[in-house]
PDB file of N, CA and C in Angstrom:
ATOM      1  N   UNK A   1      54.108 -33.584  13.226  1.00  0.00           N
ATOM      2  CA  UNK A   1      54.811 -34.630  12.893  1.00  0.00           C
ATOM      3  C   UNK A   1      54.731 -35.294  12.265  1.00  0.00           C
ATOM      4  N   UNK A   2      53.208 -36.087  12.253  1.00  0.00           N
ATOM      5  CA  UNK A   2      53.563 -37.613  11.269  1.00  0.00           C
ATOM      6  C   UNK A   2      53.646 -37.219   9.903  1.00  0.00           C
ATOM      7  N   UNK A   3      53.413 -36.209   9.653  1.00  0.00           N
ATOM      8  CA  UNK A   3      53.920 -35.612   7.994  1.00  0.00           C
ATOM      9  C   UNK A   3      55.114 -36.137   7.963  1.00  0.00           C
ATOM     10  N   UNK A   4      55.883 -36.070   8.516  1.00  0.00           N
ATOM     11  CA  UNK A   4      57.296 -36.220   8.086  1.00  0.00           C
ATOM     12  C   UNK A   4      57.645 -37.942   8.498  1.00  0.00           C
ATOM     13  N   UNK A   5      57.089 -38.130   9.327  1.00  0.00           N
ATOM     14  CA  UNK A   5      56.977 -40.183   9.120  1.00  0.00           C
ATOM     15  C   UNK A   5      56.234 -40.534   7.744  1.00  0.00           C
ATOM     16  N   UNK A   6      55.640 -39.789   7.643  1.00  0.00           N
ATOM     17  CA  UNK A   6      54.539 -40.510   6.530  1.00  0.00           C
ATOM     18  C   UNK A   6      55.541 -39.951   4.702  1.00  0.00           C
ATOM     19  N   UNK A   7      56.459 -39.285   4.917  1.00  0.00           N
ATOM     20  CA  UNK A   7      57.140 -38.730   3.965  1.00  0.00           C
ATOM     21  C   UNK A   7      57.736 -40.245   3.179  1.00  0.00           C
ATOM     22  N   UNK A   8      58.683 -40.947   4.097  1.00  0.00           N
ATOM     23  CA  UNK A   8      59.364 -41.661   2.813  1.00  0.00           C
ATOM     24  C   UNK A   8      58.415 -42.866   2.487  1.00  0.00           C
ATOM     25  N   UNK A   9      57.307 -43.000   2.824  1.00  0.00           N
ATOM     26  CA  UNK A   9      56.576 -44.061   2.340  1.00  0.00           C
ATOM     27  C   UNK A   9      55.963 -43.711   1.240  1.00  0.00           C
ATOM     28  N   UNK A  10      55.900 -42.165   1.355  1.00  0.00           N
ATOM     29  CA  UNK A  10      54.794 -41.711  -0.070  1.00  0.00           C
ATOM     30  C   UNK A  10      55.910 -41.411  -0.808  1.00  0.00           C
ATOM     31  N   UNK A  11      56.943 -41.063  -0.527  1.00  0.00           N
ATOM     32  CA  UNK A  11      58.536 -41.054  -1.729  1.00  0.00           C
ATOM     33  C   UNK A  11      58.388 -42.869  -2.024  1.00  0.00           C
ATOM     34  N   UNK A  12      58.197 -43.536  -1.818  1.00  0.00           N
ATOM     35  CA  UNK A  12      58.715 -44.941  -1.684  1.00  0.00           C
ATOM     36  C   UNK A  12      57.613 -45.104  -2.905  1.00  0.00           C
ATOM     37  N   UNK A  13      56.267 -44.696  -2.528  1.00  0.00           N
ATOM     38  CA  UNK A  13      55.119 -45.473  -3.098  1.00  0.00           C
ATOM     39  C   UNK A  13      55.165 -44.470  -4.594  1.00  0.00           C
ATOM     40  N   UNK A  14      55.985 -43.546  -4.571  1.00  0.00           N
ATOM     41  CA  UNK A  14      55.713 -42.456  -6.162  1.00  0.00           C
ATOM     42  C   UNK A  14      56.740 -43.008  -6.557  1.00  0.00           C
ATOM     43  N   UNK A  15      58.277 -43.418  -6.046  1.00  0.00           N
ATOM     44  CA  UNK A  15      59.254 -44.098  -7.127  1.00  0.00           C
ATOM     45  C   UNK A  15      58.393 -45.672  -7.586  1.00  0.00           C
ATOM     46  N   UNK A  16      58.065 -46.128  -7.098  1.00  0.00           N
ATOM     47  CA  UNK A  16      57.656 -47.697  -7.394  1.00  0.00           C
ATOM     48  C   UNK A  16      56.422 -47.502  -8.167  1.00  0.00           C
ATOM     49  N   UNK A  17      55.546 -46.167  -8.084  1.00  0.00           N
ATOM     50  CA  UNK A  17      54.502 -46.021  -9.107  1.00  0.00           C
ATOM     51  C   UNK A  17      55.474 -45.721 -10.266  1.00  0.00           C
ATOM     52  N   UNK A  18      56.552 -44.784 -10.482  1.00  0.00           N
ATOM     53  CA  UNK A  18      57.309 -44.701 -11.890  1.00  0.00           C
ATOM     54  C   UNK A  18      57.730 -45.542 -12.500  1.00  0.00           C
ATOM     55  N   UNK A  19      58.166 -46.448 -12.176  1.00  0.00           N
ATOM     56  CA  UNK A  19      59.185 -47.743 -11.934  1.00  0.00           C
ATOM     57  C   UNK A  19      58.080 -48.885 -12.240  1.00  0.00           C
ATOM     58  N   UNK A  20      56.469 -48.687 -11.915  1.00  0.00           N
ATOM     59  CA  UNK A  20      55.505 -49.464 -12.612  1.00  0.00           C
ATOM     60  C   UNK A  20      55.454 -49.171 -13.956  1.00  0.00           C
ATOM     61  N   UNK A  21      55.024 -47.712 -14.280  1.00  0.00           N
ATOM     62  CA  UNK A  21      54.754 -46.875 -15.271  1.00  0.00           C
ATOM     63  C   UNK A  21      55.725 -46.946 -16.617  1.00  0.00           C
ATOM     64  N   UNK A  22      56.970 -46.840 -16.178  1.00  0.00           N
ATOM     65  CA  UNK A  22      58.014 -47.062 -16.852  1.00  0.00           C
ATOM     66  C   UNK A  22      57.972 -48.415 -17.529  1.00  0.00           C
ATOM     67  N   UNK A  23      58.126 -49.608 -16.510  1.00  0.00           N
ATOM     68  CA  UNK A  23      58.163 -51.382 -17.276  1.00  0.00           C
ATOM     69  C   UNK A  23      56.594 -50.987 -18.181  1.00  0.00           C
ATOM     70  N   UNK A  24      55.823 -50.771 -17.515  1.00  0.00           N
ATOM     71  CA  UNK A  24      54.026 -50.796 -18.166  1.00  0.00           C
ATOM     72  C   UNK A  24      54.294 -50.333 -19.550  1.00  0.00           C
ATOM     73  N   UNK A  25      55.129 -48.889 -19.800  1.00  0.00           N
ATOM     74  CA  UNK A  25      55.465 -48.394 -20.948  1.00  0.00           C
ATOM     75  C   UNK A  25      56.310 -49.782 -21.606  1.00  0.00           C
ATOM     76  N   UNK A  26      57.413 -50.076 -21.654  1.00  0.00           N
ATOM     77  CA  UNK A  26      58.470 -50.801 -22.158  1.00  0.00           C
ATOM     78  C   UNK A  26      57.782 -52.236 -22.920  1.00  0.00           C
ATOM     79  N   UNK A  27      56.598 -52.412 -21.843  1.00  0.00           N
ATOM     80  CA  UNK A  27      56.232 -53.944 -22.069  1.00  0.00           C
ATOM     81  C   UNK A  27      55.003 -53.466 -23.267  1.00  0.00           C
ATOM     82  N   UNK A  28      54.444 -52.651 -23.203  1.00  0.00           N
ATOM     83  CA  UNK A  28      53.569 -52.038 -24.591  1.00  0.00           C
ATOM     84  C   UNK A  28      54.344 -51.716 -25.468  1.00  0.00           C
ATOM     85  N   UNK A  29      55.423 -51.260 -25.572  1.00  0.00           N
ATOM     86  CA  UNK A  29      56.187 -50.815 -26.881  1.00  0.00           C
ATOM     87  C   UNK A  29      56.655 -52.267 -27.432  1.00  0.00           C
ATOM     88  N   UNK A  30      57.032 -53.450 -26.343  1.00  0.00           N
ATOM     89  CA  UNK A  30      57.386 -54.988 -27.058  1.00  0.00           C
ATOM     90  C   UNK A  30      56.008 -55.515 -27.737  1.00  0.00           C
ATOM     91  N   UNK A  31      54.937 -55.381 -27.199  1.00  0.00           N
ATOM     92  CA  UNK A  31      53.630 -55.907 -27.590  1.00  0.00           C
ATOM     93  C   UNK A  31      53.423 -55.602 -29.121  1.00  0.00           C
ATOM     94  N   UNK A  32      53.312 -54.273 -29.614  1.00  0.00           N
ATOM     95  CA  UNK A  32      53.793 -53.414 -30.799  1.00  0.00           C
ATOM     96  C   UNK A  32      54.646 -53.956 -31.668  1.00  0.00           C
ATOM     97  N   UNK A  33      55.740 -54.195 -31.065  1.00  0.00           N
ATOM     98  CA  UNK A  33      56.813 -54.351 -32.087  1.00  0.00           C
ATOM     99  C   UNK A  33      56.330 -56.026 -32.279  1.00  0.00           C
ATOM    100  N   UNK A  34      55.753 -56.808 -31.910  1.00  0.00           N
ATOM    101  CA  UNK A  34      55.788 -58.487 -31.655  1.00  0.00           C
ATOM    102  C   UNK A  34      54.505 -58.364 -32.687  1.00  0.00           C
ATOM    103  N   UNK A  35      53.684 -57.441 -32.254  1.00  0.00           N
ATOM    104  CA  UNK A  35      51.997 -57.425 -33.459  1.00  0.00           C
ATOM    105  C   UNK A  35      52.755 -57.229 -34.631  1.00  0.00           C
ATOM    106  N   UNK A  36      53.937 -55.986 -35.029  1.00  0.00           N
ATOM    107  CA  UNK A  36      54.471 -55.474 -36.249  1.00  0.00           C
ATOM    108  C   UNK A  36      55.295 -57.076 -36.862  1.00  0.00           C
ATOM    109  N   UNK A  37      56.070 -57.342 -36.210  1.00  0.00           N
ATOM    110  CA  UNK A  37      56.660 -58.442 -36.827  1.00  0.00           C
ATOM    111  C   UNK A  37      55.373 -59.434 -37.393  1.00  0.00           C
ATOM    112  N   UNK A  38      54.313 -59.828 -36.663  1.00  0.00           N
ATOM    113  CA  UNK A  38      53.483 -60.981 -36.899  1.00  0.00           C
ATOM    114  C   UNK A  38      53.077 -60.962 -38.301  1.00  0.00           C
ATOM    115  N   UNK A  39      52.259 -59.386 -38.085  1.00  0.00           N
ATOM    116  CA  UNK A  39      51.534 -59.022 -39.199  1.00  0.00           C
ATOM    117  C   UNK A  39      52.317 -59.044 -40.288  1.00  0.00           C
ATOM    118  N   UNK A  40      53.546 -58.589 -40.706  1.00  0.00           N
ATOM    119  CA  UNK A  40      54.467 -58.580 -41.629  1.00  0.00           C
ATOM    120  C   UNK A  40      54.615 -59.713 -42.090  1.00  0.00           C
ATOM    121  N   UNK A  41      54.799 -61.044 -40.627  1.00  0.00           N
ATOM    122  CA  UNK A  41      55.361 -62.246 -41.126  1.00  0.00           C
ATOM    123  C   UNK A  41      53.919 -63.139 -42.317  1.00  0.00           C
ATOM    124  N   UNK A  42      52.934 -62.333 -41.681  1.00  0.00           N
ATOM    125  CA  UNK A  42      51.549 -63.236 -41.981  1.00  0.00           C
ATOM    126  C   UNK A  42      51.648 -62.624 -43.694  1.00  0.00           C
ATOM    127  N   UNK A  43      51.834 -61.027 -43.620  1.00  0.00           N
ATOM    128  CA  UNK A  43      51.777 -61.157 -45.081  1.00  0.00           C
ATOM    129  C   UNK A  43      53.136 -61.360 -46.338  1.00  0.00           C
ATOM    130  N   UNK A  44      54.520 -61.927 -45.650  1.00  0.00           N
ATOM    131  CA  UNK A  44      55.152 -62.669 -46.394  1.00  0.00           C
ATOM    132  C   UNK A  44      54.577 -64.096 -46.537  1.00  0.00           C
ATOM    133  N   UNK A  45      53.739 -64.741 -45.663  1.00  0.00           N
ATOM    134  CA  UNK A  45      52.965 -65.963 -46.029  1.00  0.00           C
ATOM    135  C   UNK A  45      52.203 -66.080 -46.864  1.00  0.00           C
ATOM    136  N   UNK A  46      51.160 -64.993 -46.783  1.00  0.00           N
ATOM    137  CA  UNK A  46      50.376 -64.895 -48.272  1.00  0.00           C
ATOM    138  C   UNK A  46      50.820 -64.744 -49.483  1.00  0.00           C
ATOM    139  N   UNK A  47      51.895 -63.396 -49.361  1.00  0.00           N
ATOM    140  CA  UNK A  47      52.131 -63.435 -50.915  1.00  0.00           C
ATOM    141  C   UNK A  47      53.080 -64.994 -51.363  1.00  0.00           C
ATOM    142  N   UNK A  48      53.702 -65.261 -50.538  1.00  0.00           N
ATOM    143  CA  UNK A  48      54.413 -66.903 -50.813  1.00  0.00           C
ATOM    144  C   UNK A  48      53.599 -67.944 -51.614  1.00  0.00           C
ATOM    145  N   UNK A  49      52.249 -67.696 -50.768  1.00  0.00           N
ATOM    146  CA  UNK A  49      51.375 -68.703 -50.796  1.00  0.00           C
ATOM    147  C   UNK A  49      50.237 -68.277 -52.364  1.00  0.00           C
ATOM    148  N   UNK A  50      50.008 -67.096 -52.383  1.00  0.00           N
ATOM    149  CA  UNK A  50      49.410 -66.375 -53.882  1.00  0.00           C
ATOM    150  C   UNK A  50      50.858 -66.816 -55.033  1.00  0.00           C
ATOM    151  N   UNK A  51      52.007 -66.482 -54.873  1.00  0.00           N
ATOM    152  CA  UNK A  51      52.676 -66.764 -56.353  1.00  0.00           C
ATOM    153  C   UNK A  51      52.606 -68.605 -56.650  1.00  0.00           C
ATOM    154  N   UNK A  52      53.056 -69.051 -55.305  1.00  0.00           N
ATOM    155  CA  UNK A  52      52.876 -70.638 -55.198  1.00  0.00           C
ATOM    156  C   UNK A  52      51.526 -71.258 -56.363  1.00  0.00           C
ATOM    157  N   UNK A  53      50.171 -70.743 -55.753  1.00  0.00           N
ATOM    158  CA  UNK A  53      48.816 -71.022 -56.368  1.00  0.00           C
ATOM    159  C   UNK A  53      49.126 -70.323 -57.791  1.00  0.00           C
ATOM    160  N   UNK A  54      49.487 -69.556 -58.055  1.00  0.00           N
ATOM    161  CA  UNK A  54      49.385 -68.600 -59.378  1.00  0.00           C
ATOM    162  C   UNK A  54      50.302 -69.342 -60.700  1.00  0.00           C
ATOM    163  N   UNK A  55      51.483 -70.172 -59.726  1.00  0.00           N
ATOM    164  CA  UNK A  55      52.865 -70.669 -60.679  1.00  0.00           C
ATOM    165  C   UNK A  55      52.318 -72.474 -60.595  1.00  0.00           C
ATOM    166  N   UNK A  56      51.509 -72.826 -59.978  1.00  0.00           N
ATOM    167  CA  UNK A  56      51.051 -74.206 -59.960  1.00  0.00           C
ATOM    168  C   UNK A  56      50.592 -74.853 -61.114  1.00  0.00           C
ATOM    169  N   UNK A  57      51.048 -76.016 -61.738  1.00  0.00           N
ATOM    170  CA  UNK A  57      50.797 -76.227 -62.895  1.00  0.00           C
ATOM    171  C   UNK A  57      49.442 -77.558 -62.344  1.00  0.00           C
TER     172      UNK A  57
END
């Protein structure tokens, strides 16, 4: 009988764990996108600076 009493809490814990993992995956994806945009922006700034230095008088 104790097994049937533990079943809802175990089910709830599994559901919470699945939601936590889904949120973590989503957050990790956002971190990679932010990193990609940041690195892209750094390159744009570097190219503009190189252009400015090469064409400075």
